N, C-alpha and C. Protein backbone atom coordinates (compact mmCIF):
# COMPACT_ATOMS: atom_id res chain seq x y z
N MET A 1 28.64 -52.62 9.77
CA MET A 1 29.86 -53.32 9.54
C MET A 1 30.19 -54.29 10.64
N ILE A 2 30.16 -53.77 11.88
CA ILE A 2 30.35 -54.54 13.20
C ILE A 2 29.28 -55.61 13.28
N LEU A 3 27.99 -55.20 13.13
CA LEU A 3 26.91 -56.11 13.36
C LEU A 3 27.10 -57.29 12.27
N GLU A 4 27.29 -56.98 10.91
CA GLU A 4 27.52 -58.09 10.18
C GLU A 4 28.45 -58.97 10.36
N TYR A 5 29.66 -58.36 10.78
CA TYR A 5 30.90 -59.17 11.04
C TYR A 5 30.62 -60.08 12.17
N ASN A 6 29.77 -59.84 13.29
CA ASN A 6 29.55 -60.46 14.36
C ASN A 6 28.25 -61.45 14.15
N ASP A 7 27.62 -61.45 12.98
CA ASP A 7 26.27 -62.22 12.76
C ASP A 7 25.42 -61.74 13.95
N GLU A 8 25.13 -60.47 14.10
CA GLU A 8 24.29 -60.02 15.17
C GLU A 8 22.96 -60.60 15.37
N ALA A 9 22.24 -60.82 14.39
CA ALA A 9 20.88 -61.40 14.27
C ALA A 9 20.97 -62.75 15.08
N ASP A 10 21.99 -63.75 14.64
CA ASP A 10 21.94 -64.92 15.28
C ASP A 10 22.41 -64.89 16.67
N GLU A 11 23.34 -63.99 17.15
CA GLU A 11 23.78 -63.81 18.51
C GLU A 11 22.57 -63.42 19.26
N ASN A 12 21.76 -62.49 18.90
CA ASN A 12 20.53 -61.88 19.51
C ASN A 12 19.57 -63.04 19.71
N THR A 13 19.40 -63.93 18.75
CA THR A 13 18.47 -65.01 18.86
C THR A 13 19.02 -66.09 19.95
N GLU A 14 20.39 -66.16 20.05
CA GLU A 14 20.88 -66.99 21.12
C GLU A 14 20.94 -66.50 22.42
N LEU A 15 20.90 -65.21 22.54
CA LEU A 15 20.56 -64.53 23.81
C LEU A 15 19.35 -64.51 24.29
N ALA A 16 18.15 -64.44 23.35
CA ALA A 16 16.95 -64.46 23.58
C ALA A 16 16.58 -65.88 24.06
N LYS A 17 17.06 -66.93 23.59
CA LYS A 17 16.86 -68.44 23.61
C LYS A 17 17.49 -68.47 25.08
N ASN A 18 18.58 -68.12 25.50
CA ASN A 18 19.17 -68.39 26.84
C ASN A 18 18.31 -67.63 27.94
N ALA A 19 17.92 -66.52 27.59
CA ALA A 19 17.11 -65.77 28.64
C ALA A 19 15.74 -66.27 28.78
N SER A 20 15.04 -66.88 27.70
CA SER A 20 13.96 -67.64 27.94
C SER A 20 13.99 -68.98 28.68
N ILE A 21 15.02 -69.57 28.53
CA ILE A 21 15.24 -70.97 29.04
C ILE A 21 15.72 -70.79 30.54
N TYR A 22 16.83 -70.07 30.75
CA TYR A 22 17.45 -69.84 32.07
C TYR A 22 17.12 -68.68 32.90
N GLY A 23 16.41 -67.72 32.28
CA GLY A 23 16.10 -66.46 32.90
C GLY A 23 17.04 -65.36 32.86
N ILE A 24 18.23 -65.62 32.25
CA ILE A 24 19.30 -64.70 32.15
C ILE A 24 20.25 -65.03 30.99
N ALA A 25 21.02 -64.01 30.42
CA ALA A 25 21.69 -64.18 29.31
C ALA A 25 22.87 -63.54 29.37
N TYR A 26 24.14 -63.92 29.00
CA TYR A 26 25.48 -63.17 28.95
C TYR A 26 25.95 -63.04 27.62
N GLU A 27 26.51 -61.83 27.40
CA GLU A 27 27.28 -61.72 26.18
C GLU A 27 28.78 -61.11 26.39
N LEU A 28 29.63 -61.78 25.74
CA LEU A 28 31.08 -61.36 26.05
C LEU A 28 31.48 -60.34 24.69
N LEU A 29 31.85 -59.34 25.12
CA LEU A 29 32.44 -58.25 24.34
C LEU A 29 33.95 -58.21 24.41
N TYR A 30 34.76 -58.33 23.28
CA TYR A 30 36.06 -58.22 23.25
C TYR A 30 36.69 -57.73 22.01
N MET A 31 37.97 -57.30 21.83
CA MET A 31 38.59 -56.74 20.89
C MET A 31 39.49 -57.93 20.22
N GLU A 32 39.20 -58.09 18.76
CA GLU A 32 39.98 -58.99 18.05
C GLU A 32 41.37 -58.40 17.66
N GLN A 33 42.21 -59.20 17.55
CA GLN A 33 43.56 -58.56 17.31
C GLN A 33 43.38 -57.99 15.74
N GLU A 34 44.40 -57.12 15.34
CA GLU A 34 44.30 -56.60 14.00
C GLU A 34 44.00 -57.62 12.83
N ASP A 35 43.26 -57.47 12.13
CA ASP A 35 42.88 -58.10 11.02
C ASP A 35 43.56 -57.60 9.65
N GLU A 36 44.17 -58.45 8.81
CA GLU A 36 44.93 -57.89 7.81
C GLU A 36 44.15 -57.26 6.91
N GLY A 37 42.77 -57.47 6.63
CA GLY A 37 41.97 -56.92 5.71
C GLY A 37 41.44 -55.51 6.29
N MET A 38 41.26 -55.65 7.47
CA MET A 38 40.65 -54.28 8.18
C MET A 38 41.64 -53.25 8.58
N GLY A 39 42.94 -53.69 8.98
CA GLY A 39 44.04 -52.90 9.36
C GLY A 39 43.82 -52.29 10.60
N ARG A 40 42.82 -52.70 11.46
CA ARG A 40 42.56 -52.17 12.84
C ARG A 40 41.83 -53.23 13.62
N PRO A 41 42.10 -53.28 15.00
CA PRO A 41 41.27 -54.10 15.87
C PRO A 41 39.77 -54.08 15.69
N MET A 42 39.06 -55.13 15.65
CA MET A 42 37.72 -55.23 15.37
C MET A 42 36.96 -55.57 16.62
N LEU A 43 35.76 -54.83 17.09
CA LEU A 43 34.97 -55.35 18.07
C LEU A 43 34.21 -56.67 17.81
N ARG A 44 34.17 -57.44 18.71
CA ARG A 44 33.64 -58.86 18.62
C ARG A 44 32.56 -58.95 19.78
N PHE A 45 31.64 -59.80 19.70
CA PHE A 45 30.88 -60.11 20.68
C PHE A 45 30.28 -61.62 20.49
N CYS A 46 30.04 -62.27 21.54
CA CYS A 46 29.43 -63.57 21.46
C CYS A 46 28.66 -63.98 22.67
N ALA A 47 27.57 -64.77 22.52
CA ALA A 47 26.71 -65.12 23.57
C ALA A 47 27.55 -66.27 24.29
N LEU A 48 27.20 -66.34 25.77
CA LEU A 48 28.04 -67.12 26.51
C LEU A 48 26.85 -68.20 27.07
N ASP A 49 27.25 -69.40 27.35
CA ASP A 49 26.48 -70.18 27.93
C ASP A 49 26.15 -69.86 29.49
N PRO A 50 24.87 -69.43 29.96
CA PRO A 50 24.52 -69.07 31.25
C PRO A 50 25.03 -70.14 32.31
N LYS A 51 25.07 -71.45 31.96
CA LYS A 51 25.43 -72.58 32.79
C LYS A 51 27.00 -72.44 33.27
N GLU A 52 27.86 -71.69 32.50
CA GLU A 52 29.20 -71.64 32.56
C GLU A 52 29.60 -70.15 33.20
N CYS A 53 28.70 -69.50 33.76
CA CYS A 53 28.92 -68.11 34.16
C CYS A 53 28.63 -67.84 35.48
N ILE A 54 29.35 -67.21 36.26
CA ILE A 54 29.13 -66.68 37.72
C ILE A 54 29.13 -65.22 37.87
N PRO A 55 28.35 -64.46 37.91
CA PRO A 55 28.57 -63.11 38.26
C PRO A 55 28.66 -62.69 39.42
N ILE A 56 29.44 -61.84 39.90
CA ILE A 56 29.87 -61.28 41.44
C ILE A 56 29.39 -59.94 41.48
N TYR A 57 28.47 -59.78 42.38
CA TYR A 57 28.15 -58.17 42.70
C TYR A 57 28.65 -57.77 44.03
N ASP A 58 28.56 -56.45 44.18
CA ASP A 58 29.08 -55.85 45.42
C ASP A 58 27.73 -55.76 46.30
N GLU A 59 27.82 -55.31 47.59
CA GLU A 59 26.81 -55.29 48.55
C GLU A 59 26.19 -53.83 48.68
N THR A 60 26.27 -53.22 47.76
CA THR A 60 25.52 -51.84 47.72
C THR A 60 24.21 -52.01 47.28
N ILE A 61 23.32 -51.04 47.42
CA ILE A 61 22.04 -50.92 47.12
C ILE A 61 21.80 -51.33 45.53
N GLU A 62 22.90 -50.72 44.89
CA GLU A 62 22.86 -50.78 43.25
C GLU A 62 23.16 -52.31 42.86
N HIS A 63 23.78 -53.03 43.93
CA HIS A 63 24.48 -54.26 43.31
C HIS A 63 25.13 -54.46 42.03
N ASN A 64 26.36 -53.44 41.98
CA ASN A 64 27.21 -53.27 40.87
C ASN A 64 27.91 -54.58 40.70
N LEU A 65 28.06 -54.90 39.30
CA LEU A 65 28.86 -56.02 38.88
C LEU A 65 30.29 -55.69 39.23
N THR A 66 30.95 -56.61 40.00
CA THR A 66 32.33 -56.28 40.37
C THR A 66 33.35 -57.26 39.72
N ALA A 67 32.80 -58.52 39.39
CA ALA A 67 33.63 -59.50 38.79
C ALA A 67 32.76 -60.48 38.11
N PHE A 68 33.33 -61.34 37.04
CA PHE A 68 32.60 -62.33 36.40
C PHE A 68 33.38 -63.64 36.07
N ILE A 69 33.11 -64.65 36.39
CA ILE A 69 33.81 -65.68 36.25
C ILE A 69 33.27 -66.77 35.25
N ARG A 70 33.94 -67.06 34.21
CA ARG A 70 33.48 -67.94 33.25
C ARG A 70 34.21 -69.37 33.58
N TYR A 71 33.53 -70.46 33.79
CA TYR A 71 34.25 -71.64 33.88
C TYR A 71 33.71 -72.75 32.89
N TYR A 72 34.56 -73.48 32.30
CA TYR A 72 34.26 -74.36 31.20
C TYR A 72 35.36 -75.38 31.08
N THR A 73 34.93 -76.44 30.54
CA THR A 73 36.02 -77.70 30.32
C THR A 73 36.70 -77.53 29.14
N VAL A 74 37.97 -77.95 29.11
CA VAL A 74 38.73 -77.88 27.92
C VAL A 74 39.17 -79.35 27.77
N ASN A 75 38.95 -80.06 26.55
CA ASN A 75 39.40 -81.42 26.33
C ASN A 75 40.50 -81.21 25.47
N ASP A 76 41.63 -81.72 26.02
CA ASP A 76 42.97 -81.69 25.61
C ASP A 76 43.05 -83.17 24.76
N ILE A 77 43.10 -83.26 23.44
CA ILE A 77 43.07 -84.50 22.90
C ILE A 77 44.61 -85.08 22.74
N LEU A 78 45.54 -84.30 23.05
CA LEU A 78 46.84 -84.82 23.07
C LEU A 78 47.11 -85.47 24.41
């Protein structure tokens, strides 16, 4: 159900394309607000443009991800 709701096949294709072009791919996981038809929050995911992402790692041997910045332009037409 979650995979169909998020169109998982298309998302994986987009991730594979980004990984082959840029050498890396990012996916955002989030909870959607309650849907009237579902009655509960739904897990969502979407591929992000790697050119808009900056991962920040700590200085340990494991290089754990500590923060993630997504920067993008918003065009306000008003």
